[in-house]
Every structure is written in C-alpha cells, then in structure tokens.
Amino acid sequence: MTLVYAAGAVLVLAQIVGIYALVSRKADLVFSVLVTAALVVAIVMGGYGLYHQIR
C-alpha cells in the first residue's frame, strides 16, 4: 500500500506545481513537462502498487 500512498503524494505535488505555475504566470513548457512527468510517475507507481496488492 506504500506505493499507492506515494503515488497520491506525487499527484498532490503535481497539483501544487501546476497551481504555482498558473498563479505566478510562469506556465511554460518546463512546468508542463514537470507536471506531465509527475503524473506519469504517479500512474506507474499506483499501478505497480495495486498490481502487487491484488496479486
């Protein structure tokens, strides 16, 4: 269950970075790539964690 919680934490981090980018009006390619990478990491971690929990 630890990977699922870590994936949730990465999703929260991605939201915080996205909100910061919009508030500071610096929503450019760097922030969009960072948020996209965080979302991909969260999906992989969550899927891996759920796979091992079910299995």
N, C-alpha and C. Protein backbone atom coordinates (compact mmCIF):
# COMPACT_ATOMS: atom_id res chain seq x y z
N MET A 1 0.82 -1.20 0.00
CA MET A 1 0.00 0.00 0.00
C MET A 1 0.86 1.27 0.00
N THR A 2 2.14 1.11 0.29
CA THR A 2 3.04 2.26 0.36
C THR A 2 3.18 2.94 -0.99
N LEU A 3 3.27 2.17 -2.07
CA LEU A 3 3.40 2.77 -3.39
C LEU A 3 2.15 3.54 -3.79
N VAL A 4 1.00 3.08 -3.36
CA VAL A 4 -0.24 3.79 -3.67
C VAL A 4 -0.26 5.14 -2.96
N TYR A 5 0.18 5.16 -1.70
CA TYR A 5 0.26 6.42 -0.97
C TYR A 5 1.31 7.35 -1.59
N ALA A 6 2.42 6.80 -2.02
CA ALA A 6 3.46 7.61 -2.67
C ALA A 6 2.93 8.18 -3.98
N ALA A 7 2.15 7.40 -4.72
CA ALA A 7 1.55 7.90 -5.96
C ALA A 7 0.59 9.04 -5.67
N GLY A 8 -0.17 8.92 -4.59
CA GLY A 8 -1.06 10.01 -4.18
C GLY A 8 -0.29 11.27 -3.82
N ALA A 9 0.84 11.09 -3.15
CA ALA A 9 1.68 12.24 -2.80
C ALA A 9 2.25 12.91 -4.04
N VAL A 10 2.62 12.12 -5.03
CA VAL A 10 3.14 12.69 -6.28
C VAL A 10 2.03 13.45 -7.02
N LEU A 11 0.80 12.94 -6.96
CA LEU A 11 -0.32 13.66 -7.57
C LEU A 11 -0.56 15.00 -6.88
N VAL A 12 -0.45 15.02 -5.56
CA VAL A 12 -0.61 16.27 -4.82
C VAL A 12 0.51 17.24 -5.20
N LEU A 13 1.73 16.72 -5.32
CA LEU A 13 2.86 17.55 -5.74
C LEU A 13 2.64 18.13 -7.13
N ALA A 14 2.12 17.32 -8.04
CA ALA A 14 1.84 17.80 -9.40
C ALA A 14 0.79 18.92 -9.37
N GLN A 15 -0.22 18.78 -8.53
CA GLN A 15 -1.23 19.82 -8.41
C GLN A 15 -0.65 21.11 -7.85
N ILE A 16 0.21 21.00 -6.85
CA ILE A 16 0.83 22.19 -6.26
C ILE A 16 1.71 22.90 -7.27
N VAL A 17 2.49 22.14 -8.03
CA VAL A 17 3.36 22.75 -9.05
C VAL A 17 2.51 23.41 -10.13
N GLY A 18 1.43 22.75 -10.54
CA GLY A 18 0.55 23.33 -11.55
C GLY A 18 -0.11 24.61 -11.08
N ILE A 19 -0.58 24.62 -9.85
CA ILE A 19 -1.20 25.83 -9.30
C ILE A 19 -0.18 26.95 -9.17
N TYR A 20 1.03 26.62 -8.72
CA TYR A 20 2.09 27.64 -8.63
C TYR A 20 2.41 28.23 -9.99
N ALA A 21 2.46 27.39 -11.01
CA ALA A 21 2.77 27.87 -12.35
C ALA A 21 1.68 28.80 -12.86
N LEU A 22 0.43 28.50 -12.56
CA LEU A 22 -0.66 29.37 -13.01
C LEU A 22 -0.71 30.67 -12.23
N VAL A 23 -0.49 30.61 -10.93
CA VAL A 23 -0.56 31.81 -10.10
C VAL A 23 0.59 32.75 -10.42
N SER A 24 1.78 32.19 -10.62
CA SER A 24 2.94 33.03 -10.89
C SER A 24 3.04 33.44 -12.36
N ARG A 25 2.09 32.98 -13.16
CA ARG A 25 2.04 33.28 -14.60
C ARG A 25 3.32 32.82 -15.32
N LYS A 26 3.88 31.72 -14.83
CA LYS A 26 5.06 31.14 -15.47
C LYS A 26 4.72 29.79 -16.07
N ALA A 27 3.48 29.63 -16.49
CA ALA A 27 3.03 28.34 -17.05
C ALA A 27 3.65 28.19 -18.44
N ASP A 28 4.84 27.64 -18.49
CA ASP A 28 5.52 27.44 -19.76
C ASP A 28 5.84 25.96 -19.94
N LEU A 29 6.69 25.67 -20.88
CA LEU A 29 6.99 24.29 -21.24
C LEU A 29 7.63 23.52 -20.09
N VAL A 30 8.47 24.17 -19.31
CA VAL A 30 9.15 23.48 -18.22
C VAL A 30 8.15 22.97 -17.19
N PHE A 31 7.20 23.81 -16.80
CA PHE A 31 6.21 23.40 -15.81
C PHE A 31 5.27 22.33 -16.38
N SER A 32 4.91 22.46 -17.65
CA SER A 32 4.02 21.45 -18.22
C SER A 32 4.72 20.10 -18.33
N VAL A 33 5.99 20.08 -18.67
CA VAL A 33 6.74 18.82 -18.73
C VAL A 33 6.91 18.24 -17.33
N LEU A 34 7.17 19.10 -16.34
CA LEU A 34 7.33 18.64 -14.96
C LEU A 34 6.03 18.02 -14.43
N VAL A 35 4.90 18.66 -14.67
CA VAL A 35 3.62 18.14 -14.20
C VAL A 35 3.28 16.85 -14.95
N THR A 36 3.54 16.80 -16.24
CA THR A 36 3.27 15.59 -17.01
C THR A 36 4.13 14.43 -16.52
N ALA A 37 5.39 14.70 -16.26
CA ALA A 37 6.28 13.64 -15.74
C ALA A 37 5.81 13.16 -14.37
N ALA A 38 5.37 14.08 -13.52
CA ALA A 38 4.87 13.69 -12.20
C ALA A 38 3.61 12.84 -12.32
N LEU A 39 2.74 13.17 -13.26
CA LEU A 39 1.53 12.38 -13.47
C LEU A 39 1.87 10.98 -13.98
N VAL A 40 2.82 10.88 -14.88
CA VAL A 40 3.23 9.57 -15.40
C VAL A 40 3.84 8.73 -14.28
N VAL A 41 4.69 9.34 -13.47
CA VAL A 41 5.29 8.63 -12.34
C VAL A 41 4.21 8.15 -11.38
N ALA A 42 3.23 8.99 -11.10
CA ALA A 42 2.15 8.61 -10.19
C ALA A 42 1.33 7.46 -10.75
N ILE A 43 1.05 7.48 -12.03
CA ILE A 43 0.28 6.40 -12.65
C ILE A 43 1.06 5.08 -12.59
N VAL A 44 2.33 5.13 -12.91
CA VAL A 44 3.15 3.92 -12.88
C VAL A 44 3.29 3.38 -11.45
N MET A 45 3.56 4.27 -10.50
CA MET A 45 3.70 3.83 -9.11
C MET A 45 2.39 3.27 -8.58
N GLY A 46 1.28 3.93 -8.86
CA GLY A 46 -0.01 3.45 -8.39
C GLY A 46 -0.39 2.13 -9.02
N GLY A 47 -0.16 2.01 -10.32
CA GLY A 47 -0.46 0.74 -11.00
C GLY A 47 0.39 -0.39 -10.48
N TYR A 48 1.67 -0.12 -10.29
CA TYR A 48 2.58 -1.15 -9.77
C TYR A 48 2.18 -1.56 -8.35
N GLY A 49 1.84 -0.58 -7.53
CA GLY A 49 1.43 -0.87 -6.16
C GLY A 49 0.14 -1.66 -6.11
N LEU A 50 -0.84 -1.28 -6.92
CA LEU A 50 -2.11 -2.01 -6.95
C LEU A 50 -1.93 -3.41 -7.51
N TYR A 51 -1.07 -3.56 -8.51
CA TYR A 51 -0.81 -4.88 -9.08
C TYR A 51 -0.25 -5.83 -8.02
N HIS A 52 0.71 -5.34 -7.23
CA HIS A 52 1.30 -6.19 -6.21
C HIS A 52 0.36 -6.41 -5.02
N GLN A 53 -0.55 -5.48 -4.79
CA GLN A 53 -1.51 -5.65 -3.72
C GLN A 53 -2.56 -6.70 -4.11
N ILE A 54 -3.02 -6.67 -5.34
CA ILE A 54 -4.02 -7.63 -5.81
C ILE A 54 -3.41 -9.01 -5.96
N ARG A 55 -2.21 -9.07 -6.45
CA ARG A 55 -1.52 -10.32 -6.71
C ARG A 55 -1.07 -10.91 -5.45
